[in-house]
Amino acid sequence: MDKALIELLARRAGLAKALAEFPDDVEAAAKQAADVASRIKRPADPAAEPWPPMKAGTGL
């Protein structure tokens, strides 16, 4: 992720003040978020639920 994209995303997210005061921290957070996002596996079937449906009163 290049610096211009990080700045653009930070400004769109309302982080202009954080970007001005702590540019290194914003850049580190953006790179860490991009790394985590790249490791998330997308489900083969988007309609499938990753967990069993939650139902009130079951298992109590």
C-alpha atoms as a PDB file:
ATOM      1  CA  MET A   1       0.000   0.000   0.000  1.00  0.00           C
ATOM      2  CA  ASP A   2       1.573   3.268  -1.077  1.00  0.00           C
ATOM      3  CA  LYS A   3       1.627   6.460   0.956  1.00  0.00           C
ATOM      4  CA  ALA A   4      -0.806   8.363  -1.309  1.00  0.00           C
ATOM      5  CA  LEU A   5      -3.448   5.630  -0.976  1.00  0.00           C
ATOM      6  CA  ILE A   6      -3.003   5.523   2.793  1.00  0.00           C
ATOM      7  CA  GLU A   7      -3.480   9.296   3.013  1.00  0.00           C
ATOM      8  CA  LEU A   8      -6.564   9.176   0.793  1.00  0.00           C
ATOM      9  CA  LEU A   9      -8.168   6.384   2.827  1.00  0.00           C
ATOM     10  CA  ALA A  10      -7.324   8.087   6.119  1.00  0.00           C
ATOM     11  CA  ARG A  11      -8.915  11.364   4.997  1.00  0.00           C
ATOM     12  CA  ARG A  12     -12.039   9.577   3.740  1.00  0.00           C
ATOM     13  CA  ALA A  13     -12.290   7.770   7.077  1.00  0.00           C
ATOM     14  CA  GLY A  14     -12.202  11.100   8.942  1.00  0.00           C
ATOM     15  CA  LEU A  15      -8.678  10.607  10.249  1.00  0.00           C
ATOM     16  CA  ALA A  16      -7.178  13.851   8.925  1.00  0.00           C
ATOM     17  CA  LYS A  17      -6.202  15.038  12.405  1.00  0.00           C
ATOM     18  CA  ALA A  18      -4.602  11.681  13.282  1.00  0.00           C
ATOM     19  CA  LEU A  19      -2.806  11.701   9.937  1.00  0.00           C
ATOM     20  CA  ALA A  20      -1.449  15.193  10.616  1.00  0.00           C
ATOM     21  CA  GLU A  21      -0.326  14.414  14.182  1.00  0.00           C
ATOM     22  CA  PHE A  22       0.723  10.765  13.866  1.00  0.00           C
ATOM     23  CA  PRO A  23       1.458   9.930  10.199  1.00  0.00           C
ATOM     24  CA  ASP A  24       3.724   6.980  11.052  1.00  0.00           C
ATOM     25  CA  ASP A  25       1.078   5.398  13.276  1.00  0.00           C
ATOM     26  CA  VAL A  26      -1.642   5.810  10.647  1.00  0.00           C
ATOM     27  CA  GLU A  27       0.644   4.250   8.031  1.00  0.00           C
ATOM     28  CA  ALA A  28       1.497   1.327  10.327  1.00  0.00           C
ATOM     29  CA  ALA A  29      -2.171   0.729  11.127  1.00  0.00           C
ATOM     30  CA  ALA A  30      -3.127   0.801   7.433  1.00  0.00           C
ATOM     31  CA  LYS A  31      -0.397  -1.680   6.523  1.00  0.00           C
ATOM     32  CA  GLN A  32      -1.398  -3.972   9.377  1.00  0.00           C
ATOM     33  CA  ALA A  33      -5.064  -3.824   8.348  1.00  0.00           C
ATOM     34  CA  ALA A  34      -4.172  -4.594   4.726  1.00  0.00           C
ATOM     35  CA  ASP A  35      -2.078  -7.562   5.848  1.00  0.00           C
ATOM     36  CA  VAL A  36      -4.881  -8.985   7.984  1.00  0.00           C
ATOM     37  CA  ALA A  37      -7.445  -8.413   5.229  1.00  0.00           C
ATOM     38  CA  SER A  38      -5.270 -10.314   2.761  1.00  0.00           C
ATOM     39  CA  ARG A  39      -5.165 -13.355   5.067  1.00  0.00           C
ATOM     40  CA  ILE A  40      -8.953 -13.604   5.537  1.00  0.00           C
ATOM     41  CA  LYS A  41     -10.364 -16.464   3.510  1.00  0.00           C
ATOM     42  CA  ARG A  42     -13.550 -15.769   1.591  1.00  0.00           C
ATOM     43  CA  PRO A  43     -16.217 -18.443   1.906  1.00  0.00           C
ATOM     44  CA  ALA A  44     -16.801 -20.670  -1.110  1.00  0.00           C
ATOM     45  CA  ASP A  45     -20.555 -20.240  -0.689  1.00  0.00           C
ATOM     46  CA  PRO A  46     -21.418 -16.682   0.440  1.00  0.00           C
ATOM     47  CA  ALA A  47     -24.934 -17.785   1.438  1.00  0.00           C
ATOM     48  CA  ALA A  48     -23.607 -20.367   3.909  1.00  0.00           C
ATOM     49  CA  GLU A  49     -23.462 -19.300   7.539  1.00  0.00           C
ATOM     50  CA  PRO A  50     -20.014 -19.552   9.147  1.00  0.00           C
ATOM     51  CA  TRP A  51     -21.564 -20.411  12.522  1.00  0.00           C
ATOM     52  CA  PRO A  52     -24.762 -22.201  13.450  1.00  0.00           C
ATOM     53  CA  PRO A  53     -27.747 -19.851  13.557  1.00  0.00           C
ATOM     54  CA  MET A  54     -28.265 -18.214  16.909  1.00  0.00           C
ATOM     55  CA  LYS A  55     -31.575 -19.042  18.507  1.00  0.00           C
ATOM     56  CA  ALA A  56     -32.863 -17.587  21.729  1.00  0.00           C
ATOM     57  CA  GLY A  57     -33.333 -20.110  24.492  1.00  0.00           C
ATOM     58  CA  THR A  58     -31.312 -22.964  23.004  1.00  0.00           C
ATOM     59  CA  GLY A  59     -28.549 -24.406  25.107  1.00  0.00           C
ATOM     60  CA  LEU A  60     -29.563 -22.626  28.303  1.00  0.00           C
END
